[in-house]
């Protein structure tokens, strides 16, 4: 758990310059990884699915086993950030 919190803190600091930087550590540079072996592969999601998931993480209405971690990651993202990430990696 300490490793997850440390990684989250480091990625959060890096994300001030680039909102997508938060995602890379767990999901890979192109969204190709299943984060911690539990998440969907985000490069396979449509933009609408990704945006809905991220907004759901922010308001607590979406998520599985990693819901708590993702809620914290999504909380600092604006709608414009979410849209930019979706445009970068979702199909």
N, C-alpha and C. Protein backbone atom coordinates (compact mmCIF):
# COMPACT_ATOMS: atom_id res chain seq x y z
N UNK A 1 0.82 -1.19 0.00
CA UNK A 1 0.00 0.00 0.00
C UNK A 1 0.87 1.26 0.00
N UNK A 2 1.97 1.22 0.74
CA UNK A 2 2.87 2.37 0.78
C UNK A 2 3.43 2.68 -0.60
N UNK A 3 3.73 1.61 -1.37
CA UNK A 3 4.27 1.80 -2.71
C UNK A 3 3.24 2.47 -3.61
N UNK A 4 1.98 2.06 -3.49
CA UNK A 4 0.91 2.65 -4.30
C UNK A 4 0.76 4.13 -3.96
N UNK A 5 0.76 4.45 -2.67
CA UNK A 5 0.62 5.85 -2.26
C UNK A 5 1.81 6.69 -2.72
N UNK A 6 3.00 6.14 -2.61
CA UNK A 6 4.19 6.85 -3.07
C UNK A 6 4.13 7.09 -4.57
N UNK A 7 3.79 6.06 -5.32
CA UNK A 7 3.68 6.20 -6.77
C UNK A 7 2.61 7.23 -7.12
N UNK A 8 1.50 7.18 -6.43
CA UNK A 8 0.42 8.14 -6.68
C UNK A 8 0.89 9.56 -6.42
N UNK A 9 1.61 9.76 -5.35
CA UNK A 9 2.12 11.10 -5.01
C UNK A 9 3.09 11.61 -6.06
N UNK A 10 3.98 10.75 -6.49
CA UNK A 10 4.97 11.14 -7.51
C UNK A 10 4.28 11.49 -8.82
N UNK A 11 3.35 10.65 -9.22
CA UNK A 11 2.64 10.90 -10.47
C UNK A 11 1.78 12.16 -10.38
N UNK A 12 1.21 12.41 -9.22
CA UNK A 12 0.40 13.62 -9.04
C UNK A 12 1.25 14.87 -9.23
N UNK A 13 2.46 14.85 -8.72
CA UNK A 13 3.36 16.00 -8.88
C UNK A 13 3.71 16.20 -10.36
N UNK A 14 3.97 15.14 -11.04
CA UNK A 14 4.33 15.22 -12.46
C UNK A 14 3.15 15.67 -13.31
N UNK A 15 1.96 15.40 -12.85
CA UNK A 15 0.77 15.68 -13.64
C UNK A 15 0.42 17.15 -13.74
N UNK A 16 1.01 17.99 -12.89
CA UNK A 16 0.72 19.41 -13.00
C UNK A 16 1.13 19.94 -14.37
N UNK A 17 2.17 19.40 -14.95
CA UNK A 17 2.64 19.84 -16.25
C UNK A 17 1.87 19.16 -17.38
N UNK A 18 1.43 17.94 -17.16
CA UNK A 18 0.75 17.16 -18.18
C UNK A 18 -0.26 16.25 -17.52
N UNK A 19 -1.55 16.48 -17.71
CA UNK A 19 -2.54 15.64 -17.02
C UNK A 19 -2.44 14.16 -17.40
N UNK A 20 -1.95 13.86 -18.58
CA UNK A 20 -1.82 12.47 -19.00
C UNK A 20 -0.71 11.75 -18.25
N UNK A 21 0.24 12.49 -17.69
CA UNK A 21 1.35 11.87 -16.96
C UNK A 21 0.85 11.01 -15.80
N UNK A 22 -0.29 11.35 -15.24
CA UNK A 22 -0.87 10.55 -14.16
C UNK A 22 -1.17 9.13 -14.64
N UNK A 23 -1.55 9.00 -15.87
CA UNK A 23 -2.03 7.72 -16.41
C UNK A 23 -0.91 6.76 -16.77
N UNK A 24 0.19 7.30 -17.24
CA UNK A 24 1.28 6.51 -17.83
C UNK A 24 1.85 5.47 -16.88
N UNK A 25 2.03 5.82 -15.63
CA UNK A 25 2.65 4.90 -14.68
C UNK A 25 1.92 3.58 -14.56
N UNK A 26 0.61 3.61 -14.56
CA UNK A 26 -0.18 2.39 -14.40
C UNK A 26 -0.72 1.84 -15.73
N UNK A 27 -1.07 2.74 -16.66
CA UNK A 27 -1.74 2.31 -17.89
C UNK A 27 -0.83 2.23 -19.10
N UNK A 28 0.44 2.66 -18.96
CA UNK A 28 1.38 2.62 -20.08
C UNK A 28 1.31 3.88 -20.92
N UNK A 29 2.34 4.10 -21.70
CA UNK A 29 2.47 5.32 -22.50
C UNK A 29 1.34 5.49 -23.50
N UNK A 30 0.76 4.39 -23.95
CA UNK A 30 -0.31 4.46 -24.95
C UNK A 30 -1.62 3.89 -24.42
N UNK A 31 -1.73 3.77 -23.10
CA UNK A 31 -2.96 3.22 -22.52
C UNK A 31 -3.13 1.74 -22.79
N UNK A 32 -2.01 1.05 -23.04
CA UNK A 32 -2.06 -0.35 -23.47
C UNK A 32 -2.06 -1.37 -22.33
N UNK A 33 -1.85 -0.92 -21.10
CA UNK A 33 -1.75 -1.85 -19.97
C UNK A 33 -3.03 -1.90 -19.15
N UNK A 34 -3.26 -3.04 -18.57
CA UNK A 34 -4.30 -3.19 -17.57
C UNK A 34 -3.66 -2.81 -16.24
N UNK A 35 -4.03 -1.68 -15.70
CA UNK A 35 -3.40 -1.17 -14.48
C UNK A 35 -3.53 -2.18 -13.34
N UNK A 36 -2.37 -2.57 -12.82
CA UNK A 36 -2.28 -3.52 -11.72
C UNK A 36 -3.05 -4.82 -12.00
N UNK A 37 -3.22 -5.11 -13.29
CA UNK A 37 -3.90 -6.33 -13.71
C UNK A 37 -5.38 -6.35 -13.42
N UNK A 38 -5.97 -5.18 -13.13
CA UNK A 38 -7.37 -5.14 -12.72
C UNK A 38 -8.26 -4.24 -13.57
N UNK A 39 -7.66 -3.34 -14.32
CA UNK A 39 -8.49 -2.36 -15.03
C UNK A 39 -8.72 -2.76 -16.48
N UNK A 40 -9.61 -2.00 -17.10
CA UNK A 40 -9.78 -2.13 -18.55
C UNK A 40 -8.56 -1.52 -19.22
N UNK A 41 -8.29 -1.93 -20.43
CA UNK A 41 -7.22 -1.34 -21.22
C UNK A 41 -7.82 -0.11 -21.89
N UNK A 42 -7.34 1.06 -21.49
CA UNK A 42 -8.03 2.28 -21.91
C UNK A 42 -7.86 2.62 -23.39
N UNK A 43 -6.82 2.11 -24.05
CA UNK A 43 -6.69 2.40 -25.49
C UNK A 43 -7.78 1.69 -26.28
N UNK A 44 -8.41 0.67 -25.67
CA UNK A 44 -9.49 -0.05 -26.35
C UNK A 44 -10.86 0.57 -26.10
N UNK A 45 -10.92 1.56 -25.22
CA UNK A 45 -12.19 2.23 -24.92
C UNK A 45 -12.46 3.31 -25.96
N UNK A 46 -13.74 3.57 -26.21
CA UNK A 46 -14.07 4.71 -27.06
C UNK A 46 -13.87 5.98 -26.24
N UNK A 47 -13.81 7.11 -26.92
CA UNK A 47 -13.67 8.38 -26.21
C UNK A 47 -14.85 8.59 -25.26
N UNK A 48 -16.05 8.26 -25.72
CA UNK A 48 -17.24 8.44 -24.88
C UNK A 48 -17.18 7.55 -23.64
N UNK A 49 -16.73 6.30 -23.81
CA UNK A 49 -16.61 5.39 -22.66
C UNK A 49 -15.57 5.91 -21.67
N UNK A 50 -14.44 6.38 -22.18
CA UNK A 50 -13.38 6.89 -21.32
C UNK A 50 -13.86 8.11 -20.54
N UNK A 51 -14.49 9.05 -21.24
CA UNK A 51 -14.97 10.27 -20.59
C UNK A 51 -16.01 9.93 -19.53
N UNK A 52 -16.94 9.04 -19.85
CA UNK A 52 -17.96 8.64 -18.89
C UNK A 52 -17.32 7.97 -17.66
N UNK A 53 -16.32 7.12 -17.90
CA UNK A 53 -15.64 6.44 -16.80
C UNK A 53 -14.93 7.45 -15.90
N UNK A 54 -14.21 8.38 -16.49
CA UNK A 54 -13.47 9.36 -15.70
C UNK A 54 -14.41 10.26 -14.89
N UNK A 55 -15.48 10.69 -15.51
CA UNK A 55 -16.46 11.51 -14.77
C UNK A 55 -17.12 10.68 -13.67
N UNK A 56 -17.34 9.40 -13.95
CA UNK A 56 -17.89 8.50 -12.93
C UNK A 56 -16.93 8.29 -11.77
N UNK A 57 -15.64 8.18 -12.06
CA UNK A 57 -14.65 8.08 -10.99
C UNK A 57 -14.68 9.35 -10.14
N UNK A 58 -14.78 10.50 -10.80
CA UNK A 58 -14.78 11.77 -10.07
C UNK A 58 -15.97 11.87 -9.11
N UNK A 59 -17.15 11.44 -9.56
CA UNK A 59 -18.33 11.57 -8.70
C UNK A 59 -18.65 10.31 -7.89
N UNK A 60 -17.82 9.27 -8.05
CA UNK A 60 -17.98 8.05 -7.27
C UNK A 60 -19.01 7.07 -7.79
N UNK A 61 -19.54 7.31 -8.99
CA UNK A 61 -20.58 6.44 -9.53
C UNK A 61 -20.05 5.32 -10.43
N UNK A 62 -18.73 5.24 -10.61
CA UNK A 62 -18.15 4.26 -11.53
C UNK A 62 -16.94 3.62 -10.87
N UNK A 63 -16.71 2.37 -11.20
CA UNK A 63 -15.46 1.75 -10.80
C UNK A 63 -15.61 0.40 -10.15
N UNK A 64 -14.53 -0.34 -10.23
CA UNK A 64 -14.45 -1.66 -9.63
C UNK A 64 -13.45 -1.64 -8.50
N UNK A 65 -12.54 -2.62 -8.50
CA UNK A 65 -11.60 -2.76 -7.40
C UNK A 65 -10.66 -1.57 -7.18
N UNK A 66 -10.42 -0.79 -8.20
CA UNK A 66 -9.50 0.34 -8.09
C UNK A 66 -10.24 1.68 -7.96
N UNK A 67 -11.51 1.62 -7.63
CA UNK A 67 -12.34 2.82 -7.58
C UNK A 67 -11.75 3.91 -6.68
N UNK A 68 -11.29 3.53 -5.50
CA UNK A 68 -10.75 4.52 -4.57
C UNK A 68 -9.51 5.21 -5.12
N UNK A 69 -8.61 4.44 -5.69
CA UNK A 69 -7.39 5.00 -6.25
C UNK A 69 -7.71 5.90 -7.44
N UNK A 70 -8.60 5.45 -8.30
CA UNK A 70 -8.94 6.23 -9.48
C UNK A 70 -9.73 7.49 -9.13
N UNK A 71 -10.55 7.43 -8.09
CA UNK A 71 -11.28 8.64 -7.68
C UNK A 71 -10.28 9.74 -7.32
N UNK A 72 -9.23 9.37 -6.61
CA UNK A 72 -8.21 10.34 -6.24
C UNK A 72 -7.47 10.87 -7.47
N UNK A 73 -7.21 10.03 -8.44
CA UNK A 73 -6.51 10.45 -9.66
C UNK A 73 -7.38 11.37 -10.51
N UNK A 74 -8.66 11.06 -10.61
CA UNK A 74 -9.57 11.82 -11.46
C UNK A 74 -10.01 13.13 -10.82
N UNK A 75 -9.96 13.21 -9.51
CA UNK A 75 -10.48 14.38 -8.80
C UNK A 75 -9.84 15.68 -9.25
N UNK A 76 -8.57 15.67 -9.57
CA UNK A 76 -7.87 16.89 -9.97
C UNK A 76 -7.96 17.22 -11.44
N UNK A 77 -8.65 16.40 -12.21
CA UNK A 77 -8.74 16.63 -13.65
C UNK A 77 -9.98 17.46 -13.99
N UNK A 78 -9.78 18.45 -14.83
CA UNK A 78 -10.90 19.23 -15.34
C UNK A 78 -11.55 18.46 -16.49
N UNK A 79 -12.72 18.92 -16.90
CA UNK A 79 -13.36 18.30 -18.07
C UNK A 79 -12.47 18.44 -19.30
N UNK A 80 -11.76 19.56 -19.40
CA UNK A 80 -10.85 19.77 -20.54
C UNK A 80 -9.68 18.79 -20.48
N UNK A 81 -9.17 18.52 -19.27
CA UNK A 81 -8.10 17.53 -19.11
C UNK A 81 -8.57 16.15 -19.55
N UNK A 82 -9.76 15.78 -19.10
CA UNK A 82 -10.31 14.46 -19.44
C UNK A 82 -10.50 14.34 -20.94
N UNK A 83 -11.00 15.39 -21.56
CA UNK A 83 -11.19 15.41 -23.02
C UNK A 83 -9.85 15.27 -23.73
N UNK A 84 -8.83 15.98 -23.25
CA UNK A 84 -7.50 15.92 -23.87
C UNK A 84 -6.90 14.51 -23.77
N UNK A 85 -7.06 13.89 -22.61
CA UNK A 85 -6.56 12.52 -22.43
C UNK A 85 -7.32 11.56 -23.35
N UNK A 86 -8.63 11.73 -23.42
CA UNK A 86 -9.45 10.88 -24.30
C UNK A 86 -8.99 11.02 -25.75
N UNK A 87 -8.72 12.24 -26.17
CA UNK A 87 -8.27 12.46 -27.55
C UNK A 87 -6.91 11.85 -27.81
N UNK A 88 -6.10 11.77 -26.77
CA UNK A 88 -4.74 11.22 -26.93
C UNK A 88 -4.73 9.69 -27.01
N UNK A 89 -5.57 9.01 -26.20
CA UNK A 89 -5.41 7.56 -26.12
C UNK A 89 -6.64 6.73 -26.45
N UNK A 90 -7.83 7.26 -26.31
CA UNK A 90 -9.02 6.45 -26.59
C UNK A 90 -9.28 6.44 -28.10
N UNK A 91 -10.10 5.48 -28.53
CA UNK A 91 -10.38 5.43 -29.98
C UNK A 91 -11.67 6.12 -30.32
